[in-house]
Amino acid sequence: MHEFDLIRQIDSFAADHEDVKVGIGDDAAVTSSHAHKDVISCVDTICEGIHFKRSTLHLSDIGYKALAVNLSDIAAMGGTPRYYLVSLAMSPEWKQEEILEIYRGMNDLAERYGVLLIGGDTVSAQHDLMISVTVLGEIEKSRSLLRSSAREGDVVFASGTLGDSRGGLDLLLSGGLTAPRTEQEHALVGVHQRPEPQLTLGQLLKESGCRIALNDISDGLSSESWELAEASRVCICLEEEKIPVSENATKLFGNETAYEYALTGGEDFQLVGTVAKSDWPAIASAAKEKGIRLSAIGSVTQEGAPQVLMQKNGERTAIKRAGYRHQ
């Protein structure tokens, strides 16, 4: 595969835009800036055999997901994604058309949210494929939603349903990409292959003007709740019966497994956060008007030493910081 030929092909995904002064083809990209906005920057790297397998994701899904994980981070800050850059390290076994199909997957998602490809890099690797995506976003100055904003008495909330991605991964690992599946199984597989970054919700929460702590659920509800608790130095108490698990997951895996997947499964890319109890009704109503499912799943019980508890059948027990770990 010739690098410069590949770059010329990739350039077809980089749309012209007035904000992009210099795009792909020079030493670096140049974009216009806004004095009244902060820049949000994030980067994630996914590696073949660790973060994804060709037996569970179509080529376009690999690209879609590589960008989605970054857009989810922007969503958790309440920001708007603007630009992205992609670095690839690939072995000789990867064909040019396969790499372009990965870019098509990224482009599918980028076009929906108006995110512009402005550059990147390609290098050779001895084994497998590594994709590193950097996203640049923006938000009005000093309005980023931080993990450190939770306070005693807050409502803890989560978006969507949790654990579906882990259920979809189970189905893919056992049956591969081509196994015949029921409608319920297809739904879970779809969540794993093409997760929906919650950008609309993140911006809605930012626009509310409320004090909100927010985190995206990449490693499971348990791990992300611990991150909120540690950043804010609070105790969070979750209520098991209020954790939103889907009907599809409970029917296919049973209640116990569905809740375990919600807590530790990871890669749902929903949002978990806290908001003052007095502001919760307005936040819930605004989300409902947008067609976004938002569930109250617990409360912040006190400030001090970070802790996460689970309430079940009237009893509270401490839960460990557990979540999906890529190894």
Protein backbone atom coordinates (compact mmCIF):
# COMPACT_ATOMS: atom_id res chain seq x y z
CA MET A 1 0.00 0.00 0.00
CA HIS A 2 1.45 3.36 -1.02
CA GLU A 3 1.04 5.95 1.76
CA PHE A 4 0.52 8.99 -0.47
CA ASP A 5 -2.02 7.22 -2.62
CA LEU A 6 -3.91 6.27 0.54
CA ILE A 7 -3.79 9.88 1.79
CA ARG A 8 -5.25 11.09 -1.50
CA GLN A 9 -8.09 8.60 -1.10
CA ILE A 10 -8.67 9.62 2.53
CA ASP A 11 -8.79 13.27 1.48
CA SER A 12 -12.14 12.55 -0.20
CA PHE A 13 -13.68 12.33 3.30
CA ALA A 14 -12.42 15.80 4.28
CA ALA A 15 -15.17 18.24 3.31
CA ASP A 16 -14.39 21.87 2.48
CA HIS A 17 -15.53 24.32 5.16
CA GLU A 18 -14.96 28.02 5.78
CA ASP A 19 -13.55 27.32 9.28
CA VAL A 20 -10.80 25.08 7.87
CA LYS A 21 -8.07 27.37 6.57
CA VAL A 22 -5.59 24.54 5.86
CA GLY A 23 -6.69 20.90 5.85
CA ILE A 24 -5.13 17.63 4.71
CA GLY A 25 -2.05 18.08 2.51
CA ASP A 26 0.18 20.40 4.55
CA ASP A 27 2.37 19.97 7.64
CA ALA A 28 -0.52 20.78 9.98
CA ALA A 29 -4.15 21.83 9.90
CA VAL A 30 -5.21 25.42 10.51
CA THR A 31 -8.70 26.30 11.73
CA SER A 32 -10.30 29.57 12.81
CA SER A 33 -10.72 30.19 16.54
CA HIS A 34 -13.35 31.90 18.66
CA ALA A 35 -12.23 34.13 21.52
CA HIS A 36 -15.42 33.53 23.51
CA LYS A 37 -15.15 29.72 23.49
CA ASP A 38 -12.99 27.09 25.17
CA VAL A 39 -11.44 24.27 23.14
CA ILE A 40 -12.19 20.71 24.24
CA SER A 41 -9.59 18.13 23.16
CA CYS A 42 -9.70 14.37 23.57
CA VAL A 43 -7.92 11.38 22.07
CA ASP A 44 -8.63 7.64 22.17
CA THR A 45 -6.66 4.77 20.69
CA ILE A 46 -8.12 1.38 19.80
CA CYS A 47 -6.01 -1.67 18.97
CA GLU A 48 -6.96 -4.74 16.98
CA GLY A 49 -7.25 -7.82 19.19
CA ILE A 50 -7.65 -5.71 22.34
CA HIS A 51 -10.35 -3.12 21.72
CA PHE A 52 -11.91 -4.68 18.64
CA LYS A 53 -11.95 -7.88 16.61
CA ARG A 54 -12.75 -8.33 12.94
CA SER A 55 -14.96 -11.24 14.02
CA THR A 56 -17.33 -8.88 15.89
CA LEU A 57 -17.21 -5.61 13.91
CA HIS A 58 -17.61 -4.88 10.21
CA LEU A 59 -14.86 -2.67 8.85
CA SER A 60 -17.10 0.40 8.75
CA ASP A 61 -18.17 -0.32 12.35
CA ILE A 62 -14.52 -0.18 13.44
CA GLY A 63 -14.22 3.33 12.06
CA TYR A 64 -17.60 4.44 13.38
CA LYS A 65 -16.73 3.23 16.87
CA ALA A 66 -13.23 4.78 16.84
CA LEU A 67 -14.83 8.19 16.34
CA ALA A 68 -17.87 7.53 18.56
CA VAL A 69 -15.79 6.95 21.69
CA ASN A 70 -14.28 10.42 21.29
CA LEU A 71 -17.59 12.12 20.54
CA SER A 72 -18.92 10.56 23.73
CA ASP A 73 -16.18 12.32 25.70
CA ILE A 74 -17.16 15.64 24.09
CA ALA A 75 -20.80 14.93 24.99
CA ALA A 76 -19.87 14.39 28.64
CA MET A 77 -18.39 17.89 28.74
CA GLY A 78 -21.49 19.45 27.18
CA GLY A 79 -19.47 20.46 24.14
CA THR A 80 -19.84 20.54 20.37
CA PRO A 81 -17.35 18.48 18.31
CA ARG A 82 -15.83 20.37 15.39
CA TYR A 83 -12.81 18.56 13.94
CA TYR A 84 -11.07 15.19 14.06
CA LEU A 85 -7.68 13.76 13.14
CA VAL A 86 -6.85 10.10 12.58
CA SER A 87 -3.56 8.25 12.99
CA LEU A 88 -3.26 4.67 11.70
CA ALA A 89 -0.56 2.09 12.33
CA MET A 90 -1.20 -0.89 10.07
CA SER A 91 0.46 -4.12 9.06
CA PRO A 92 1.00 -5.02 5.36
CA GLU A 93 -1.91 -7.49 5.54
CA TRP A 94 -4.41 -4.59 5.57
CA LYS A 95 -5.58 -3.67 2.05
CA GLN A 96 -6.17 -0.07 0.98
CA GLU A 97 -9.86 -0.66 0.31
CA GLU A 98 -10.26 -2.10 3.82
CA ILE A 99 -8.72 1.02 5.36
CA LEU A 100 -10.99 3.23 3.25
CA GLU A 101 -14.01 1.25 4.48
CA ILE A 102 -12.95 2.06 8.05
CA TYR A 103 -12.84 5.75 7.08
CA ARG A 104 -16.30 5.43 5.54
CA GLY A 105 -17.59 4.30 8.93
CA MET A 106 -16.05 7.33 10.60
CA ASN A 107 -17.50 9.54 7.90
CA ASP A 108 -20.99 8.09 8.47
CA LEU A 109 -20.95 9.40 12.02
CA ALA A 110 -18.98 12.58 11.34
CA GLU A 111 -21.46 13.76 8.70
CA ARG A 112 -24.39 13.38 11.11
CA TYR A 113 -22.82 15.78 13.59
CA GLY A 114 -20.98 18.09 11.20
CA VAL A 115 -17.52 17.02 12.41
CA LEU A 116 -14.74 17.72 9.90
CA LEU A 117 -11.75 15.49 9.15
CA ILE A 118 -8.70 17.80 9.04
CA GLY A 119 -5.65 15.52 9.09
CA GLY A 120 -3.77 12.63 10.61
CA ASP A 121 -0.95 10.20 9.91
CA THR A 122 -0.35 6.68 8.61
CA VAL A 123 2.58 4.44 9.56
CA SER A 124 3.54 0.81 9.13
CA ALA A 125 3.26 -1.71 11.96
CA GLN A 126 4.45 -5.28 12.27
CA HIS A 127 1.16 -6.66 13.52
CA ASP A 128 -2.52 -5.79 13.51
CA LEU A 129 -4.10 -2.34 13.27
CA MET A 130 -4.07 0.61 15.66
CA ILE A 131 -6.35 3.63 15.23
CA SER A 132 -5.87 6.81 17.23
CA VAL A 133 -8.53 9.50 16.86
CA THR A 134 -8.23 13.05 18.20
CA VAL A 135 -11.34 15.21 18.37
CA LEU A 136 -11.36 18.97 18.90
CA GLY A 137 -14.57 20.51 20.18
CA GLU A 138 -15.73 23.77 21.65
CA ILE A 139 -17.91 25.13 24.40
CA GLU A 140 -18.70 28.58 25.76
CA LYS A 141 -16.00 29.73 28.15
CA SER A 142 -16.12 28.19 31.66
CA ARG A 143 -19.30 26.20 30.93
CA SER A 144 -17.82 22.70 30.66
CA LEU A 145 -19.67 20.05 32.68
CA LEU A 146 -17.17 18.54 35.12
CA ARG A 147 -17.10 15.35 37.18
CA SER A 148 -16.24 17.43 40.24
CA SER A 149 -19.58 19.29 40.50
CA ALA A 150 -21.68 16.77 42.51
CA ARG A 151 -23.00 17.89 45.91
CA GLU A 152 -24.86 16.28 48.80
CA GLY A 153 -28.58 15.90 48.06
CA ASP A 154 -28.17 15.69 44.29
CA VAL A 155 -30.16 13.27 42.17
CA VAL A 156 -28.02 10.74 40.27
CA PHE A 157 -29.29 10.09 36.74
CA ALA A 158 -28.38 8.00 33.70
CA SER A 159 -29.43 8.13 30.07
CA GLY A 160 -30.73 5.33 27.87
CA THR A 161 -30.44 1.70 28.91
CA LEU A 162 -27.24 0.17 30.25
CA GLY A 163 -25.57 -3.16 29.58
CA ASP A 164 -26.86 -3.59 26.03
CA SER A 165 -23.43 -3.25 24.45
CA ARG A 166 -22.01 -6.01 26.65
CA GLY A 167 -24.95 -8.22 25.75
CA GLY A 168 -24.36 -7.52 22.07
CA LEU A 169 -20.68 -8.42 22.46
CA ASP A 170 -21.64 -11.75 24.04
CA LEU A 171 -23.84 -12.56 21.07
CA LEU A 172 -21.11 -11.59 18.59
CA LEU A 173 -18.42 -13.60 20.38
CA SER A 174 -20.61 -16.70 20.38
CA GLY A 175 -22.11 -16.39 16.90
CA GLY A 176 -19.90 -14.04 14.91
CA LEU A 177 -21.11 -11.49 12.39
CA THR A 178 -23.29 -13.76 10.26
CA ALA A 179 -25.25 -15.87 12.77
CA PRO A 180 -29.06 -15.74 12.35
CA ARG A 181 -30.51 -13.55 15.09
CA THR A 182 -33.85 -12.50 16.50
CA GLU A 183 -34.97 -8.87 16.48
CA GLN A 184 -34.00 -8.59 20.16
CA GLU A 185 -30.52 -9.95 19.47
CA HIS A 186 -30.03 -7.64 16.50
CA ALA A 187 -30.92 -4.68 18.72
CA LEU A 188 -28.18 -5.51 21.24
CA VAL A 189 -25.62 -6.25 18.52
CA GLY A 190 -26.39 -2.88 16.95
CA VAL A 191 -25.73 -1.07 20.22
CA HIS A 192 -22.32 -2.72 20.48
CA GLN A 193 -21.30 -2.13 16.88
CA ARG A 194 -22.63 1.42 16.49
CA PRO A 195 -23.12 3.15 19.87
CA GLU A 196 -24.83 6.52 19.84
CA PRO A 197 -22.79 9.32 21.47
CA GLN A 198 -25.15 11.44 23.58
CA LEU A 199 -24.21 14.82 22.13
CA THR A 200 -27.77 16.18 22.10
CA LEU A 201 -28.20 15.36 25.78
CA GLY A 202 -24.81 16.79 26.74
CA GLN A 203 -25.63 20.08 25.06
CA LEU A 204 -29.12 20.12 26.57
CA LEU A 205 -27.64 19.72 30.06
CA LYS A 206 -25.11 22.47 29.39
CA GLU A 207 -27.80 24.83 28.10
CA SER A 208 -29.90 24.25 31.23
CA GLY A 209 -27.44 26.36 33.24
CA CYS A 210 -27.80 23.95 36.17
CA ARG A 211 -24.89 22.70 38.27
CA ILE A 212 -24.32 19.28 36.75
CA ALA A 213 -21.59 16.68 37.21
CA LEU A 214 -21.31 14.42 34.16
CA ASN A 215 -19.41 11.38 32.94
CA ASP A 216 -19.74 9.10 29.93
CA ILE A 217 -20.25 5.38 30.52
CA SER A 218 -17.37 3.71 28.72
CA ASP A 219 -16.34 1.15 31.36
CA GLY A 220 -19.67 0.46 33.10
CA LEU A 221 -21.88 2.29 35.59
CA SER A 222 -19.86 1.15 38.61
CA SER A 223 -16.56 2.52 37.34
CA GLU A 224 -18.04 5.79 36.10
CA SER A 225 -19.95 6.36 39.36
CA TRP A 226 -16.69 5.92 41.23
CA GLU A 227 -15.05 8.53 38.99
CA LEU A 228 -17.81 11.02 39.86
CA ALA A 229 -17.54 10.18 43.57
CA GLU A 230 -13.77 10.62 43.59
CA ALA A 231 -13.73 13.82 41.57
CA SER A 232 -16.45 15.42 43.74
CA ARG A 233 -15.43 13.71 47.01
CA VAL A 234 -18.94 12.47 47.73
CA CYS A 235 -20.79 9.27 48.51
CA ILE A 236 -23.12 8.08 45.75
CA CYS A 237 -25.91 5.62 46.49
CA LEU A 238 -27.40 3.80 43.51
CA GLU A 239 -30.75 1.98 43.68
CA GLU A 240 -30.63 -1.31 41.80
CA GLU A 241 -34.29 -1.40 40.82
CA LYS A 242 -33.96 2.05 39.19
CA ILE A 243 -30.97 1.21 36.99
CA PRO A 244 -32.28 1.23 33.40
CA VAL A 245 -31.72 -2.15 31.78
CA SER A 246 -33.49 -3.02 28.55
CA GLU A 247 -36.24 -5.57 28.07
CA ASN A 248 -34.09 -7.18 25.39
CA ALA A 249 -31.19 -7.73 27.80
CA THR A 250 -33.34 -9.11 30.64
CA LYS A 251 -35.20 -11.50 28.30
CA LEU A 252 -32.03 -12.83 26.71
CA PHE A 253 -29.74 -12.97 29.75
CA GLY A 254 -31.98 -12.78 32.84
CA ASN A 255 -32.24 -10.03 35.44
CA GLU A 256 -29.06 -10.83 37.36
CA THR A 257 -26.80 -10.88 34.32
CA ALA A 258 -28.48 -7.84 32.77
CA TYR A 259 -27.80 -5.78 35.91
CA GLU A 260 -24.22 -7.07 36.09
CA TYR A 261 -23.66 -6.01 32.48
CA ALA A 262 -25.08 -2.57 33.28
CA LEU A 263 -22.66 -2.16 36.18
CA THR A 264 -19.48 -3.55 34.66
CA GLY A 265 -20.06 -4.31 30.97
CA GLY A 266 -18.87 -1.04 29.47
CA GLU A 267 -19.06 0.57 26.03
CA ASP A 268 -22.64 1.81 26.37
CA PHE A 269 -21.47 5.43 25.88
CA GLN A 270 -24.52 6.74 27.69
CA LEU A 271 -24.16 9.50 30.31
CA VAL A 272 -24.32 9.36 34.10
CA GLY A 273 -24.47 12.51 36.18
CA THR A 274 -25.85 14.40 39.13
CA VAL A 275 -28.05 17.48 39.44
CA ALA A 276 -29.65 19.35 42.36
CA LYS A 277 -32.91 17.71 43.43
CA SER A 278 -34.79 20.98 42.82
CA ASP A 279 -33.54 21.06 39.20
CA TRP A 280 -34.22 17.41 38.39
CA PRO A 281 -37.88 17.77 37.26
CA ALA A 282 -36.96 20.44 34.69
CA ILE A 283 -34.00 18.42 33.40
CA ALA A 284 -36.10 15.25 33.11
CA SER A 285 -38.87 17.13 31.32
CA ALA A 286 -36.49 18.79 28.84
CA ALA A 287 -34.92 15.42 28.01
CA LYS A 288 -38.33 13.82 27.51
CA GLU A 289 -39.32 16.57 25.06
CA LYS A 290 -36.24 15.65 23.00
CA GLY A 291 -37.16 11.97 23.09
CA ILE A 292 -34.23 11.14 25.39
CA ARG A 293 -34.70 8.58 28.14
CA LEU A 294 -33.34 9.89 31.43
CA SER A 295 -33.72 7.93 34.69
CA ALA A 296 -33.15 8.92 38.31
CA ILE A 297 -31.05 6.04 39.65
CA GLY A 298 -29.91 7.21 43.09
CA SER A 299 -28.65 10.14 45.13
CA VAL A 300 -25.58 11.82 46.55
CA THR A 301 -25.90 11.06 50.25
CA GLN A 302 -22.99 12.97 51.74
CA GLU A 303 -19.72 14.76 51.07
CA GLY A 304 -16.37 13.52 52.31
CA ALA A 305 -14.60 10.24 51.57
CA PRO A 306 -15.52 8.99 48.07
CA GLN A 307 -17.75 5.91 48.10
CA VAL A 308 -20.34 4.18 45.92
CA LEU A 309 -23.15 2.17 47.51
CA MET A 310 -25.88 -0.02 46.07
CA GLN A 311 -29.30 -0.11 47.70
CA LYS A 312 -31.26 -3.33 47.20
CA ASN A 313 -34.27 -4.54 49.16
CA GLY A 314 -33.80 -1.72 51.67
CA GLU A 315 -30.15 -2.58 52.39
CA ARG A 316 -27.07 -0.66 51.32
CA THR A 317 -23.78 -2.33 50.47
CA ALA A 318 -20.54 -0.87 49.14
CA ILE A 319 -19.72 -1.74 45.54
CA LYS A 320 -16.20 -2.03 44.24
CA ARG A 321 -14.84 0.06 41.44
CA ALA A 322 -15.30 -2.53 38.72
CA GLY A 323 -15.69 -2.17 35.01
CA TYR A 324 -14.65 -3.41 31.63
CA ARG A 325 -10.89 -3.41 31.17
CA HIS A 326 -9.23 -3.91 27.79
CA GLN A 327 -6.36 -6.37 28.16
